Structures are given as structure tokens and as C-alpha cells.
């Protein structure tokens, strides 16, 4: 997402002053069901200068007020390459003073193997082709009417992330957020952790129409089925791939699922990818933003929180940075008592229950992203050691399994004895 680096100056004092402002921004109006759509597909492999006329054409097709403007008033720059998407900042000088800025997000190739675009984009009625003709989403994704009107418009309407302005065949256009992207070390900052916890609680209260079945195990088994049938052209990668025991992974999935099923974990609409790169902060105003809801779905509360904690390790997977019990309890207090964040009278039994729930689902997070890494190793053109990422995540799963299972087992036994 478009990020402008801001000075840290008075960041912490600004954090404390912004709670009311964020509450006002987070009032939940009705979701806008008239998101403009264009059937344009943009080749993400093109260099920026060749992509430029296609981006301008797209913007003019989506936003009628820009259609008469000359191409010279459009400025396009790369914001991020990421490890899945390409983000472009498009600025339009409408007159000598006013400049409008949007973000165009282009999906990486083959990301539909790990991201359910139907789930992300169940929107409803769109308002135009180029001639203004209404189009039902099912014409493009084959969805039935009951599956429509979900996800991104409702998240946007609830005040989370950038506003969805338009979309096209292989991407979307969103409002520009003037903020910096957090680093993994930022998430350890107690003041920022408070804000993340309170905002996550609010996010978990967003209601998305349609099925509320948790998607964790459906996604993991889908990933497993895809991952165990791959074949690599590169001999070295193929040899590394063949060293993976998918029978071991399948057994691990069954064990973790059986254990987590013993918890009555609340099912909430979850971000599912709350790493530092999907958190933005305006230091000047003290406002935190969640962004990029590609993996969003109904899921288990403990999984979403555990996944966030696992991301303290960063892409380097330094799991020594996983938050300790004290740090987790600080997060839980603000999550559980988000309306009164500076009162810490949350019952210890509630903190303990969420601690055990979270640290059991911690194992599921490792399996999910390990399998994701295997698939990305095959399909992604990005220069990143995805197979190495698989081993780092799955090895951490094996390292933590006994401790997490012991914690869960003792808690469940003591709870049944009361």
C-alpha cells in the first residue's frame, strides 16, 4: 500500500490522543454495492513505462471524472513489489492545485492458488462497463446470488484499511493511505500493541453476509492437496521438494485439528495475515491502519491472534522474537477490554483461556504458511527462497508442538475438573 515515511517524533503521544478520532472513523455505514468494475487485464510483467498507458486507460474507464484528462497529468510510480502483489501509486493533477492519488494493486501471477478471489470479491452489483451497463459478479466468477455482497465493501464501510474504489480482472484500485508501513520490531512497541489489539477486536466484530463457517482447515487441506502434486523444472528445487514428507504433514494437520477442535474458540471475521507489512501507521496523527485483506475469512479468533504473534519473527523467521507471556497478556488485556483499554481489570481466567487458545492455534499458523511456501516456490516469479521458508516454518512447528500440546492438555484437563 502507498506509504510515505514520516518522522517518529511525537508518535507515542499521538497514539494516546487518537482513540476518539479512530472511533469516529470506524462507524459502520452500509456497504457500497456500486463499486465500478472494468474487464481490463494488465500484464504485471511489463516494465513500468510500458504499463503506464494501460494503467491510465484503466483509471479513465473506472472514474468518469478522469476520462477527459490528458495523459500528461497522470504520474505513476512503483510503491512496492512485495512477495505477492505489485502496488502502484497513481497521482492525477486535475488543476494547478488539486492532486488526487490512488493505489492500483496488481495481483501476482497464480496467486489464485493460495488466495480465494471469490471470497475476497463477493461484492454484488457493479455499476459499469465502459458504457455504464450494470453487471452481476456471478457473470465473472460464477457465483450464485446468495453468495454475493460480501467482504471488501463491508470491511471498507466499517472503516478498516483503504477504501475500495474500483476493481478489474487482475487487481483493484483503493484510496491512498498517507502512512508508513510498520516493521516487525514496531509490533513489540507496547503503545502500538495496544492499538493493534483494540483495532483487531473491532475488526473481529465486522459482520460479513453469508456463511460464517471457519475456513482454516478447508484452506490447509486445499493447500496440502495442491502442494503434494507439484513438479519443479529446476533439479535442485525438485530434490529439495522431494525431501518433504507430506505424510508427516498430513498427520501433523490431523493432530492439530483434533486438539484445536477441543476448544470452543469463537469464530470471527479474521484478517489471517496480520504481519507488519499489512499494518500502517501515521505517526503525526497517531492513526493505525489495517490493510490488504486478501486472506480474510471467517476463522477462529485464536488463529488470527496467533498468526499475528508468529509474524513478530518477520520473513527471516527469527522465532526468538515470538512474544513472551507478559507481552501476550498486555495484548490480550487491550483486546478483551478494548472499550476501556487503560483499565487492566480483565479476569486472570480470561487471560489464561485466550493465552492457551492462541498458543494452540499457533501450530496451525505454521502449517498453513509452510504449505503456502511450497506452492509459491512453484508459481511465484519473485526472487525469494519459498522452499527455505517452508522448512523454517515447519521446523518451528515441530519445535513448539510438544510445548503447545502440553499447555493445551493441562488447561483442558483442569477445566474439565472444575
Protein backbone atom coordinates (compact mmCIF):
# COMPACT_ATOMS: atom_id res chain seq x y z
CA UNK A 1 0.00 0.00 0.00
CA UNK A 2 1.26 3.53 -0.69
CA UNK A 3 3.36 4.53 2.29
CA UNK A 4 5.00 7.87 2.96
CA UNK A 5 7.78 7.73 5.53
CA UNK A 6 7.02 10.03 8.44
CA UNK A 7 9.19 11.03 11.38
CA UNK A 8 8.62 9.18 14.63
CA UNK A 9 8.79 12.41 16.66
CA UNK A 10 5.70 12.57 18.80
CA UNK A 11 4.35 9.21 17.71
CA UNK A 12 3.62 7.76 21.15
CA UNK A 13 1.84 10.85 22.42
CA UNK A 14 -0.14 10.97 19.21
CA UNK A 15 -1.20 7.36 19.76
CA UNK A 16 -2.84 8.23 23.05
CA UNK A 17 -4.71 11.20 21.56
CA UNK A 18 -6.18 9.39 18.56
CA UNK A 19 -8.57 6.85 20.14
CA UNK A 20 -11.67 9.01 19.83
CA UNK A 21 -10.77 10.05 16.30
CA UNK A 22 -10.46 6.40 15.28
CA UNK A 23 -13.80 5.55 16.88
CA UNK A 24 -15.49 8.27 14.85
CA UNK A 25 -13.84 6.97 11.68
CA UNK A 26 -14.92 3.44 12.43
CA UNK A 27 -18.69 3.97 12.44
CA UNK A 28 -20.17 1.30 10.24
CA UNK A 29 -22.33 2.61 7.40
CA UNK A 30 -23.97 0.41 4.82
CA UNK A 31 -21.51 -1.14 2.39
CA UNK A 32 -21.46 0.47 -1.06
CA UNK A 33 -22.63 -2.13 -3.56
CA UNK A 34 -21.84 0.02 -6.60
CA UNK A 35 -18.11 -0.43 -6.91
CA UNK A 36 -17.05 0.37 -10.51
CA UNK A 37 -15.61 -2.53 -12.47
CA UNK A 38 -13.60 -2.76 -15.69
CA UNK A 39 -12.90 -6.00 -17.60
CA UNK A 40 -9.34 -4.81 -18.24
CA UNK A 41 -6.42 -7.17 -17.53
CA UNK A 42 -2.97 -5.62 -17.08
CA UNK A 43 0.20 -7.60 -17.75
CA UNK A 44 2.15 -7.40 -14.48
CA UNK A 45 5.36 -8.47 -16.23
CA UNK A 46 5.56 -5.27 -18.30
CA UNK A 47 8.12 -2.62 -17.32
CA UNK A 48 6.50 0.46 -15.80
CA UNK A 49 6.88 2.68 -18.89
CA UNK A 50 5.04 0.10 -21.00
CA UNK A 51 2.43 -0.47 -18.31
CA UNK A 52 1.71 3.26 -17.95
CA UNK A 53 -0.80 3.68 -20.86
CA UNK A 54 -2.73 0.61 -19.68
CA UNK A 55 -2.95 1.97 -16.12
CA UNK A 56 -4.14 5.35 -17.42
CA UNK A 57 -6.75 3.66 -19.62
CA UNK A 58 -7.94 1.65 -16.60
CA UNK A 59 -8.26 4.73 -14.39
CA UNK A 60 -10.18 6.62 -17.06
CA UNK A 61 -12.51 3.66 -17.55
CA UNK A 62 -13.21 3.35 -13.81
CA UNK A 63 -13.50 7.04 -12.92
CA UNK A 64 -15.54 9.14 -15.31
CA UNK A 65 -14.21 12.45 -13.96
CA UNK A 66 -10.76 11.48 -15.25
CA UNK A 67 -11.87 10.31 -18.69
CA UNK A 68 -11.37 13.69 -20.44
CA UNK A 69 -7.95 14.36 -18.88
CA UNK A 70 -4.74 14.31 -20.89
CA UNK A 71 -2.26 11.53 -20.16
CA UNK A 72 0.34 14.11 -19.15
CA UNK A 73 -1.48 14.85 -15.88
CA UNK A 74 -1.05 11.25 -14.69
CA UNK A 75 2.00 10.32 -12.61
CA UNK A 76 2.68 6.64 -11.88
CA UNK A 77 5.32 5.15 -9.59
CA UNK A 78 6.01 1.78 -8.03
CA UNK A 79 5.29 1.64 -4.32
CA UNK A 80 6.04 -1.99 -3.53
CA UNK A 81 6.89 -5.26 -5.17
CA UNK A 82 6.04 -7.28 -2.05
CA UNK A 83 6.10 -11.07 -2.25
CA UNK A 84 2.68 -11.43 -3.90
CA UNK A 85 1.43 -8.19 -5.46
CA UNK A 86 2.68 -5.11 -7.34
CA UNK A 87 1.47 -1.79 -5.92
CA UNK A 88 1.42 1.39 -7.99
CA UNK A 89 0.78 4.93 -6.79
CA UNK A 90 -1.20 6.92 -9.36
CA UNK A 91 -1.36 10.70 -8.89
CA UNK A 92 -3.60 12.87 -11.07
CA UNK A 93 -3.18 16.64 -11.24
CA UNK A 94 -6.69 17.81 -12.02
CA UNK A 95 -5.75 21.51 -11.90
CA UNK A 96 -2.85 23.66 -10.70
CA UNK A 97 -3.68 22.92 -7.04
CA UNK A 98 -5.63 19.69 -6.64
CA UNK A 99 -3.87 16.31 -6.86
CA UNK A 100 -5.82 13.06 -6.45
CA UNK A 101 -3.90 9.92 -5.51
CA UNK A 102 -4.98 6.28 -5.62
CA UNK A 103 -3.26 2.92 -5.29
CA UNK A 104 -3.56 0.32 -8.04
CA UNK A 105 -2.88 -3.20 -6.79
CA UNK A 106 -1.97 -5.80 -9.41
CA UNK A 107 -2.14 -9.42 -8.34
CA UNK A 108 0.92 -11.58 -8.82
CA UNK A 109 0.57 -14.47 -11.28
CA UNK A 110 -1.10 -17.64 -9.99
CA UNK A 111 -1.99 -16.13 -6.61
CA UNK A 112 -5.45 -17.67 -7.04
CA UNK A 113 -3.84 -20.94 -5.92
CA UNK A 114 -3.35 -19.54 -2.41
CA UNK A 115 -5.92 -16.72 -2.30
CA UNK A 116 -9.63 -17.28 -2.82
CA UNK A 117 -10.54 -14.32 -5.04
CA UNK A 118 -14.21 -15.31 -4.92
CA UNK A 119 -14.14 -14.93 -1.15
CA UNK A 120 -12.28 -11.63 -1.37
CA UNK A 121 -14.51 -10.12 -4.01
CA UNK A 122 -18.05 -11.24 -3.28
CA UNK A 123 -19.45 -7.80 -3.87
CA UNK A 124 -22.83 -7.77 -5.59
CA UNK A 125 -23.96 -5.33 -8.22
CA UNK A 126 -21.28 -3.35 -10.07
CA UNK A 127 -22.25 -0.16 -11.86
CA UNK A 128 -20.42 -0.15 -15.13
CA UNK A 129 -18.66 -1.50 -18.06
CA UNK A 130 -17.35 1.37 -20.13
CA UNK A 131 -20.90 2.11 -21.29
CA UNK A 132 -22.40 2.13 -17.78
CA UNK A 133 -24.14 -1.25 -18.12
CA UNK A 134 -24.75 -2.99 -14.75
CA UNK A 135 -23.01 -6.35 -14.37
CA UNK A 136 -23.56 -9.08 -11.78
CA UNK A 137 -20.47 -10.52 -10.19
CA UNK A 138 -21.65 -14.05 -10.98
CA UNK A 139 -21.05 -13.30 -14.66
CA UNK A 140 -17.35 -13.09 -13.87
CA UNK A 141 -16.82 -15.56 -11.06
CA UNK A 142 -19.78 -17.91 -11.48
CA UNK A 143 -21.21 -17.13 -8.04
CA UNK A 144 -24.85 -17.64 -7.20
CA UNK A 145 -26.88 -14.73 -5.87
CA UNK A 146 -26.81 -15.82 -2.18
CA UNK A 147 -23.01 -15.76 -2.26
CA UNK A 148 -22.88 -12.13 -3.32
CA UNK A 149 -22.48 -8.91 -1.31
CA UNK A 150 -19.59 -9.85 0.95
CA UNK A 151 -16.11 -8.98 2.17
CA UNK A 152 -14.23 -5.94 0.90
CA UNK A 153 -17.06 -3.39 0.66
CA UNK A 154 -18.17 -4.26 4.19
CA UNK A 155 -14.63 -4.07 5.57
CA UNK A 156 -14.18 -0.71 3.87
CA UNK A 157 -17.57 0.53 5.08
CA UNK A 158 -16.61 -0.42 8.64
CA UNK A 159 -13.66 1.96 8.40
CA UNK A 160 -10.82 -0.52 8.02
CA UNK A 161 -7.99 -0.09 5.57
CA UNK A 162 -8.07 1.79 2.33
CA UNK A 163 -11.43 2.40 0.68
CA UNK A 164 -12.17 0.14 -2.25
CA UNK A 165 -12.70 2.50 -5.21
CA UNK A 166 -12.81 0.10 -8.14
CA UNK A 167 -11.62 -3.21 -9.43
CA UNK A 168 -10.66 -5.03 -12.59
CA UNK A 169 -9.81 -8.51 -13.81
CA UNK A 170 -6.45 -8.86 -12.03
CA UNK A 171 -6.48 -6.23 -9.35
CA UNK A 172 -8.18 -3.38 -7.56
CA UNK A 173 -7.96 0.37 -7.03
CA UNK A 174 -8.00 1.74 -3.47
CA UNK A 175 -7.65 5.05 -1.73
CA UNK A 176 -4.15 6.22 -0.81
CA UNK A 177 -3.12 5.98 2.84
CA UNK A 178 -0.58 8.57 3.97
CA UNK A 179 1.31 6.47 6.49
CA UNK A 180 4.36 4.29 6.92
CA UNK A 181 4.41 0.51 6.90
CA UNK A 182 5.37 -0.99 10.25
CA UNK A 183 8.38 -3.23 10.77
CA UNK A 184 8.28 -6.44 12.86
CA UNK A 185 10.06 -4.62 15.69
CA UNK A 186 7.32 -1.95 15.75
CA UNK A 187 4.76 -4.58 16.75
CA UNK A 188 6.59 -5.08 20.05
CA UNK A 189 6.11 -1.42 20.99
CA UNK A 190 3.61 -1.54 23.90
CA UNK A 191 1.66 1.52 22.73
CA UNK A 192 1.36 0.21 19.19
CA UNK A 193 0.49 -3.25 20.51
CA UNK A 194 -2.40 -1.68 22.42
CA UNK A 195 -3.71 -0.08 19.26
CA UNK A 196 -3.33 -3.25 17.21
CA UNK A 197 -5.18 -5.27 19.86
CA UNK A 198 -8.05 -2.79 20.14
CA UNK A 199 -8.38 -2.47 16.39
CA UNK A 200 -8.27 -6.24 15.93
CA UNK A 201 -11.14 -6.60 18.40
CA UNK A 202 -13.13 -4.09 16.31
CA UNK A 203 -12.22 -5.92 13.12
CA UNK A 204 -13.43 -9.18 14.63
CA UNK A 205 -16.82 -7.55 15.17
CA UNK A 206 -17.35 -6.76 11.48
CA UNK A 207 -20.23 -8.79 10.06
CA UNK A 208 -19.91 -10.13 6.52
CA UNK A 209 -23.11 -11.55 4.96
CA UNK A 210 -23.08 -15.21 4.01
CA UNK A 211 -21.64 -18.33 5.55
CA UNK A 212 -19.73 -17.95 8.80
CA UNK A 213 -18.02 -21.31 8.64
CA UNK A 214 -14.33 -21.08 9.67
CA UNK A 215 -12.08 -21.62 6.66
CA UNK A 216 -8.80 -22.60 8.34
CA UNK A 217 -8.91 -26.35 7.76
CA UNK A 218 -10.55 -26.08 4.34
CA UNK A 219 -7.68 -23.83 3.26
CA UNK A 220 -4.98 -26.01 4.80
CA UNK A 221 -6.28 -29.18 3.15
CA UNK A 222 -6.62 -27.32 -0.16
CA UNK A 223 -3.00 -26.18 0.16
CA UNK A 224 -1.88 -29.70 1.06
CA UNK A 225 -3.62 -31.24 -1.95
CA UNK A 226 -2.03 -28.67 -4.23
CA UNK A 227 1.42 -28.83 -2.64
CA UNK A 228 1.85 -32.61 -2.78
CA UNK A 229 1.33 -32.81 -6.57
CA UNK A 230 3.92 -30.26 -7.73
CA UNK A 231 6.85 -30.85 -10.03
CA UNK A 232 9.76 -28.42 -10.43
CA UNK A 233 11.77 -27.84 -13.61
CA UNK A 234 14.81 -26.92 -11.55
CA UNK A 235 16.58 -30.14 -10.46
CA UNK A 236 17.86 -28.66 -7.20
CA UNK A 237 14.40 -27.42 -6.26
CA UNK A 238 12.88 -30.77 -7.22
CA UNK A 239 15.36 -32.60 -4.98
CA UNK A 240 14.55 -30.27 -2.08
CA UNK A 241 10.83 -30.70 -2.71
CA UNK A 242 11.16 -34.50 -2.71
CA UNK A 243 12.71 -34.33 0.77
CA UNK A 244 9.38 -33.10 2.14
CA UNK A 245 7.25 -35.79 3.80
CA UNK A 246 3.65 -34.96 3.02
CA UNK A 247 2.51 -37.95 5.08
CA UNK A 248 4.19 -36.31 8.08
CA UNK A 249 2.44 -33.03 7.29
CA UNK A 250 -0.95 -34.72 6.91
CA UNK A 251 -0.50 -36.44 10.27
CA UNK A 252 0.51 -33.12 11.85
CA UNK A 253 -2.61 -31.44 10.46
CA UNK A 254 -4.84 -34.16 11.91
CA UNK A 255 -3.18 -33.84 15.33
CA UNK A 256 -3.51 -30.07 15.50
CA UNK A 257 -7.07 -30.10 14.20
CA UNK A 258 -8.08 -32.70 16.79
CA UNK A 259 -6.54 -30.61 19.55
CA UNK A 260 -7.99 -27.26 18.49
CA UNK A 261 -11.41 -28.83 17.98
CA UNK A 262 -11.48 -29.44 21.74
CA UNK A 263 -11.58 -25.68 22.31
CA UNK A 264 -14.78 -23.69 21.94
CA UNK A 265 -12.94 -21.00 20.00
CA UNK A 266 -15.07 -18.06 18.84
CA UNK A 267 -15.41 -17.76 15.07
CA UNK A 268 -14.96 -14.19 13.83
CA UNK A 269 -14.21 -12.48 10.56
CA UNK A 270 -10.42 -12.61 10.56
CA UNK A 271 -7.62 -10.83 8.75
CA UNK A 272 -5.48 -14.03 8.66
CA UNK A 273 -2.35 -12.19 7.51
CA UNK A 274 -1.66 -9.50 10.11
CA UNK A 275 2.08 -9.19 9.58
CA UNK A 276 3.91 -5.87 9.93
CA UNK A 277 3.66 -5.23 6.18
CA UNK A 278 -0.14 -5.12 6.48
CA UNK A 279 -0.07 -2.56 9.28
CA UNK A 280 0.40 1.14 8.54
CA UNK A 281 0.79 4.00 10.99
CA UNK A 282 0.55 7.74 10.59
CA UNK A 283 2.93 8.98 13.30
CA UNK A 284 1.76 12.56 13.00
CA UNK A 285 -1.91 11.75 13.62
CA UNK A 286 -1.35 8.60 15.66
CA UNK A 287 -3.67 6.53 13.48
CA UNK A 288 -3.17 2.83 12.76
CA UNK A 289 -4.48 1.15 9.63
CA UNK A 290 -5.05 -2.49 8.75
CA UNK A 291 -4.57 -3.13 5.02
CA UNK A 292 -4.64 -5.95 2.44
CA UNK A 293 -7.47 -8.33 3.28
CA UNK A 294 -6.73 -10.92 0.58
CA UNK A 295 -6.68 -13.80 3.05
CA UNK A 296 -9.66 -12.53 5.06
CA UNK A 297 -12.36 -15.03 6.00
CA UNK A 298 -14.37 -16.25 8.92
CA UNK A 299 -11.96 -18.09 11.14
CA UNK A 300 -11.02 -18.90 14.71
CA UNK A 301 -10.19 -15.93 16.93
CA UNK A 302 -7.17 -17.68 18.43
CA UNK A 303 -5.76 -18.41 15.00
CA UNK A 304 -5.87 -14.78 13.89
CA UNK A 305 -4.12 -13.61 17.05
CA UNK A 306 -1.55 -16.43 16.95
CA UNK A 307 -0.78 -15.69 13.33
CA UNK A 308 -0.06 -12.08 14.28
CA UNK A 309 2.27 -13.20 17.06
CA UNK A 310 4.13 -15.55 14.71
CA UNK A 311 4.76 -12.58 12.43
CA UNK A 312 6.91 -10.94 15.09
CA UNK A 313 9.60 -13.21 13.63
CA UNK A 314 9.48 -11.47 10.24
CA UNK A 315 10.21 -13.15 6.92
CA UNK A 316 13.60 -14.14 8.34
CA UNK A 317 11.68 -16.40 10.76
CA UNK A 318 13.60 -15.40 13.89
CA UNK A 319 11.17 -17.07 16.27
CA UNK A 320 13.19 -15.95 19.27
CA UNK A 321 11.15 -12.77 18.76
CA UNK A 322 7.85 -14.55 19.44
CA UNK A 323 6.18 -12.54 22.24
CA UNK A 324 6.56 -13.85 25.79
CA UNK A 325 3.64 -14.41 28.15
CA UNK A 326 3.86 -10.92 29.66
CA UNK A 327 3.72 -9.30 26.21
CA UNK A 328 0.83 -11.51 25.16
CA UNK A 329 -1.15 -10.69 28.31
CA UNK A 330 -0.65 -6.97 27.60
CA UNK A 331 -2.13 -7.56 24.14
CA UNK A 332 -4.99 -9.68 25.50
CA UNK A 333 -5.99 -7.06 28.10
CA UNK A 334 -6.43 -4.48 25.38
CA UNK A 335 -8.17 -6.94 23.08
CA UNK A 336 -10.62 -8.20 25.71
CA UNK A 337 -11.31 -4.78 27.23
CA UNK A 338 -10.92 -2.63 24.14
CA UNK A 339 -13.61 -0.13 25.19
CA UNK A 340 -11.62 0.69 28.35
CA UNK A 341 -8.06 -0.01 27.19
CA UNK A 342 -6.27 1.56 30.13
CA UNK A 343 -8.16 -0.43 32.74
CA UNK A 344 -6.44 -3.75 33.28
CA UNK A 345 -9.07 -5.49 35.42
CA UNK A 346 -9.54 -8.34 32.98
CA UNK A 347 -10.10 -11.57 34.95
CA UNK A 348 -6.99 -13.75 35.01
CA UNK A 349 -9.05 -16.75 33.91
CA UNK A 350 -9.99 -14.91 30.70
CA UNK A 351 -6.36 -14.05 30.02
CA UNK A 352 -5.29 -17.64 30.64
CA UNK A 353 -8.02 -19.04 28.38
CA UNK A 354 -7.05 -16.76 25.49
CA UNK A 355 -3.37 -17.49 26.06
CA UNK A 356 -3.91 -21.24 25.72
CA UNK A 357 -6.30 -20.87 22.78
CA UNK A 358 -3.86 -18.63 20.93
CA UNK A 359 -0.78 -20.75 21.57
CA UNK A 360 -2.54 -23.91 20.39
CA UNK A 361 -3.59 -22.28 17.12
CA UNK A 362 -0.01 -21.05 16.84
CA UNK A 363 0.81 -24.50 15.44
CA UNK A 364 -1.87 -24.27 12.75
CA UNK A 365 -0.41 -20.98 11.57
CA UNK A 366 2.98 -22.61 10.99
CA UNK A 367 1.44 -25.43 8.94
CA UNK A 368 -0.65 -23.02 6.86
CA UNK A 369 2.26 -20.79 5.83
CA UNK A 370 4.65 -23.71 5.41
CA UNK A 371 2.36 -25.20 2.76
CA UNK A 372 1.83 -21.75 1.25
CA UNK A 373 5.60 -21.55 0.84
CA UNK A 374 5.73 -24.82 -1.10
CA UNK A 375 3.09 -23.64 -3.57
CA UNK A 376 4.70 -20.24 -4.00
CA UNK A 377 8.04 -21.91 -4.70
CA UNK A 378 6.44 -23.36 -7.82
CA UNK A 379 4.29 -20.48 -9.07
CA UNK A 380 5.83 -17.21 -7.90
CA UNK A 381 8.28 -15.32 -10.15
CA UNK A 382 9.56 -13.35 -7.15
CA UNK A 383 13.16 -14.00 -6.06
CA UNK A 384 12.51 -15.42 -2.59
CA UNK A 385 13.50 -18.74 -1.02
CA UNK A 386 10.00 -20.12 -0.58
CA UNK A 387 11.13 -23.70 -0.01
CA UNK A 388 13.52 -22.46 2.66
CA UNK A 389 10.55 -20.64 4.17
CA UNK A 390 8.60 -23.90 4.24
CA UNK A 391 11.34 -25.62 6.25
CA UNK A 392 11.74 -22.71 8.67
CA UNK A 393 8.01 -22.69 9.42
CA UNK A 394 7.54 -26.45 9.61
CA UNK A 395 10.65 -26.93 11.72
CA UNK A 396 9.33 -24.32 14.16
CA UNK A 397 6.04 -26.23 14.26
CA UNK A 398 7.91 -29.40 15.25
CA UNK A 399 9.96 -27.49 17.81
CA UNK A 400 6.90 -25.98 19.52
CA UNK A 401 4.45 -28.85 19.16
CA UNK A 402 5.16 -30.66 22.44
CA UNK A 403 5.11 -27.44 24.49
CA UNK A 404 1.87 -26.20 22.93
CA UNK A 405 0.14 -29.57 23.22
CA UNK A 406 1.22 -29.88 26.85
CA UNK A 407 -0.13 -26.40 27.60
CA UNK A 408 -3.44 -27.19 25.91
CA UNK A 409 -3.77 -30.60 27.52
CA UNK A 410 -3.19 -29.31 31.04
CA UNK A 411 -5.64 -26.46 30.54
CA UNK A 412 -8.36 -28.70 29.12
CA UNK A 413 -7.88 -31.24 31.93
CA UNK A 414 -8.06 -28.58 34.66
CA UNK A 415 -11.12 -27.00 33.03
CA UNK A 416 -12.95 -30.33 32.90
CA UNK A 417 -12.18 -30.92 36.58
CA UNK A 418 -13.86 -27.74 37.75
